[in-house]
């Protein structure tokens, strides 16, 4: 069988078409691969951002609960209604911010667990802070003790979240 000019042209056209089809598949595969890498990078950046916000919110919760505990536990300071209103507002703002955190985006189960733990401790503090007290009076050690407990638990949650953040950023 001899190949004529038209046969060679047909063969070249078939090879070029095959190469073009393979190239198109290669381009699609490469784009899919690059998009997957970009999506994973964006998800990682979002997880890092949410984790840092969780650390900041948990630290803020500790700051608020600790300041309430210092006021209510100090016999030299008077726990006044105006102070309690401010404390309630601060506690509720921090709790609302903590509840708004999307824990499903956090990078580790430990981080999510600590955020849930911090929310729980803060909710208990908010409940106690919302109780009405009719008289202004000096702080007592008993009144400050429960706030110190919540502050210690929030400090521990903050510490564990910071460790998770450092470990996540070192990867």
Protein backbone atom coordinates (compact mmCIF):
# COMPACT_ATOMS: atom_id res chain seq x y z
CA UNK A 1 0.00 0.00 0.00
CA UNK A 2 1.43 3.30 -1.01
CA UNK A 3 0.76 6.59 0.66
CA UNK A 4 -0.22 9.41 -1.60
CA UNK A 5 -0.13 13.06 -0.82
CA UNK A 6 -3.79 13.10 0.25
CA UNK A 7 -3.19 10.13 2.57
CA UNK A 8 -0.34 11.95 4.31
CA UNK A 9 -2.49 15.04 4.71
CA UNK A 10 -5.31 12.99 6.19
CA UNK A 11 -2.86 11.26 8.53
CA UNK A 12 -1.37 14.60 9.63
CA UNK A 13 -4.85 16.00 10.19
CA UNK A 14 -5.79 12.97 12.33
CA UNK A 15 -2.61 13.30 14.41
CA UNK A 16 -3.15 17.04 14.86
CA UNK A 17 -6.76 16.44 15.90
CA UNK A 18 -5.68 13.80 18.43
CA UNK A 19 -3.02 16.13 19.85
CA UNK A 20 -5.57 18.97 20.06
CA UNK A 21 -8.06 16.76 21.91
CA UNK A 22 -5.34 15.53 24.31
CA UNK A 23 -4.21 19.12 24.80
CA UNK A 24 -7.76 20.21 25.61
CA UNK A 25 -8.04 17.46 28.22
CA UNK A 26 -4.66 18.51 29.61
CA UNK A 27 -5.75 22.14 29.89
CA UNK A 28 -8.97 21.15 31.67
CA UNK A 29 -7.04 18.85 34.03
CA UNK A 30 -4.46 21.57 34.77
CA UNK A 31 -7.17 24.19 35.40
CA UNK A 32 -9.02 21.80 37.71
CA UNK A 33 -5.80 21.03 39.60
CA UNK A 34 -4.90 24.72 39.95
CA UNK A 35 -8.46 25.61 41.04
CA UNK A 36 -8.31 22.87 43.70
CA UNK A 37 -5.04 24.27 45.04
CA UNK A 38 -6.46 27.79 45.03
CA UNK A 39 -9.62 26.64 46.84
CA UNK A 40 -7.61 24.74 49.47
CA UNK A 41 -5.44 27.79 50.01
CA UNK A 42 -8.50 30.03 50.38
CA UNK A 43 -10.09 27.57 52.83
CA UNK A 44 -6.87 27.46 54.85
CA UNK A 45 -6.69 31.26 54.91
CA UNK A 46 -10.32 31.45 56.05
CA UNK A 47 -9.69 28.85 58.77
CA UNK A 48 -6.65 30.84 59.94
CA UNK A 49 -8.71 34.04 60.02
CA UNK A 50 -11.56 32.45 62.00
CA UNK A 51 -9.09 30.86 64.42
CA UNK A 52 -7.43 34.22 65.06
CA UNK A 53 -10.83 35.83 65.62
CA UNK A 54 -11.72 33.01 68.02
CA UNK A 55 -8.53 33.68 69.98
CA UNK A 56 -9.33 37.40 70.12
CA UNK A 57 -12.97 36.86 71.17
CA UNK A 58 -12.04 34.31 73.82
CA UNK A 59 -9.39 36.66 75.17
CA UNK A 60 -11.96 39.48 75.23
CA UNK A 61 -14.38 37.19 77.08
CA UNK A 62 -11.67 36.45 79.65
CA UNK A 63 -10.94 40.18 80.03
CA UNK A 64 -14.60 41.04 80.66
CA UNK A 65 -15.25 38.13 83.04
CA UNK A 66 -12.01 38.82 84.90
CA UNK A 67 -12.86 42.51 85.36
CA UNK A 68 -16.34 41.62 86.66
CA UNK A 69 -14.76 39.13 89.03
CA UNK A 70 -12.29 41.70 90.31
CA UNK A 71 -15.08 44.19 90.97
CA UNK A 72 -17.44 41.71 92.60
CA UNK A 73 -14.70 40.05 94.61
CA UNK A 74 -13.07 43.21 96.00
CA UNK A 75 -14.45 44.34 99.35
CA UNK A 76 -12.92 47.79 98.83
CA UNK A 77 -15.04 48.45 95.72
CA UNK A 78 -18.79 48.98 95.63
CA UNK A 79 -20.74 46.92 93.13
CA UNK A 80 -23.19 49.52 91.80
CA UNK A 81 -26.19 49.07 89.51
CA UNK A 82 -24.63 51.29 86.82
CA UNK A 83 -21.56 49.04 86.82
CA UNK A 84 -23.71 45.92 86.62
CA UNK A 85 -25.57 47.33 83.60
CA UNK A 86 -22.27 47.98 81.82
CA UNK A 87 -21.03 44.51 82.76
CA UNK A 88 -24.21 42.89 81.42
CA UNK A 89 -23.84 44.80 78.18
CA UNK A 90 -20.18 43.82 77.81
CA UNK A 91 -20.89 40.18 78.63
CA UNK A 92 -23.78 39.99 76.17
CA UNK A 93 -21.77 41.66 73.39
CA UNK A 94 -18.92 39.20 73.78
CA UNK A 95 -21.33 36.25 73.95
CA UNK A 96 -23.09 37.43 70.79
CA UNK A 97 -19.75 37.75 69.02
CA UNK A 98 -18.68 34.27 70.19
CA UNK A 99 -21.99 32.77 69.07
CA UNK A 100 -21.47 34.31 65.62
CA UNK A 101 -18.22 32.43 65.05
CA UNK A 102 -18.58 29.75 62.38
CA UNK A 103 -16.99 26.86 64.27
CA UNK A 104 -17.32 24.53 61.27
CA UNK A 105 -14.56 26.56 59.59
CA UNK A 106 -12.09 26.16 62.46
CA UNK A 107 -9.13 24.01 61.36
CA UNK A 108 -9.08 21.51 64.24
CA UNK A 109 -11.51 19.75 66.51
CA UNK A 110 -9.57 21.03 69.52
CA UNK A 111 -10.12 24.63 68.41
CA UNK A 112 -13.85 24.01 67.91
CA UNK A 113 -14.06 22.31 71.31
CA UNK A 114 -12.38 25.27 73.01
CA UNK A 115 -14.72 27.78 71.33
CA UNK A 116 -17.73 25.74 72.45
CA UNK A 117 -16.26 25.54 75.96
CA UNK A 118 -15.66 29.30 76.01
CA UNK A 119 -19.23 29.93 74.83
CA UNK A 120 -20.56 27.73 77.61
CA UNK A 121 -18.52 29.44 80.32
CA UNK A 122 -19.44 32.85 79.00
CA UNK A 123 -23.14 31.93 78.84
CA UNK A 124 -22.99 30.89 82.51
CA UNK A 125 -21.33 34.20 83.38
CA UNK A 126 -23.97 36.09 81.37
CA UNK A 127 -26.73 34.27 83.25
CA UNK A 128 -25.18 35.20 86.59
CA UNK A 129 -24.57 38.75 85.40
CA UNK A 130 -28.21 39.14 84.37
CA UNK A 131 -29.50 38.45 87.86
CA UNK A 132 -30.98 41.55 89.48
CA UNK A 133 -29.53 42.82 92.72
CA UNK A 134 -31.50 45.52 94.39
CA UNK A 135 -28.79 47.11 96.51
CA UNK A 136 -25.35 48.47 95.86
CA UNK A 137 -22.83 46.81 98.13
CA UNK A 138 -19.15 46.06 98.41
CA UNK A 139 -17.80 43.01 96.68
CA UNK A 140 -17.35 39.78 98.57
CA UNK A 141 -14.94 36.92 98.21
CA UNK A 142 -17.83 34.53 97.63
CA UNK A 143 -19.25 36.70 94.85
CA UNK A 144 -15.85 36.94 93.18
CA UNK A 145 -15.08 33.21 93.47
CA UNK A 146 -17.46 32.04 90.74
CA UNK A 147 -16.23 34.79 88.41
CA UNK A 148 -12.64 33.75 89.10
CA UNK A 149 -13.58 30.17 88.16
CA UNK A 150 -15.06 31.32 84.84
CA UNK A 151 -12.09 33.59 84.21
CA UNK A 152 -9.67 30.71 84.82
CA UNK A 153 -11.58 28.45 82.43
CA UNK A 154 -11.68 31.16 79.77
CA UNK A 155 -7.95 31.78 80.25
CA UNK A 156 -7.33 28.06 79.72
CA UNK A 157 -9.49 28.03 76.57
CA UNK A 158 -7.62 31.10 75.27
CA UNK A 159 -4.28 29.42 75.96
CA UNK A 160 -5.32 26.27 74.09
CA UNK A 161 -6.67 28.29 71.15
CA UNK A 162 -3.40 30.24 70.95
CA UNK A 163 -1.48 26.96 70.90
CA UNK A 164 -3.73 25.71 68.08
CA UNK A 165 -3.14 28.97 66.20
CA UNK A 166 0.63 28.68 66.56
CA UNK A 167 0.60 25.04 65.48
CA UNK A 168 -1.67 25.79 62.51
CA UNK A 169 0.53 28.68 61.38
CA UNK A 170 3.71 26.61 61.65
CA UNK A 171 2.42 24.05 59.12
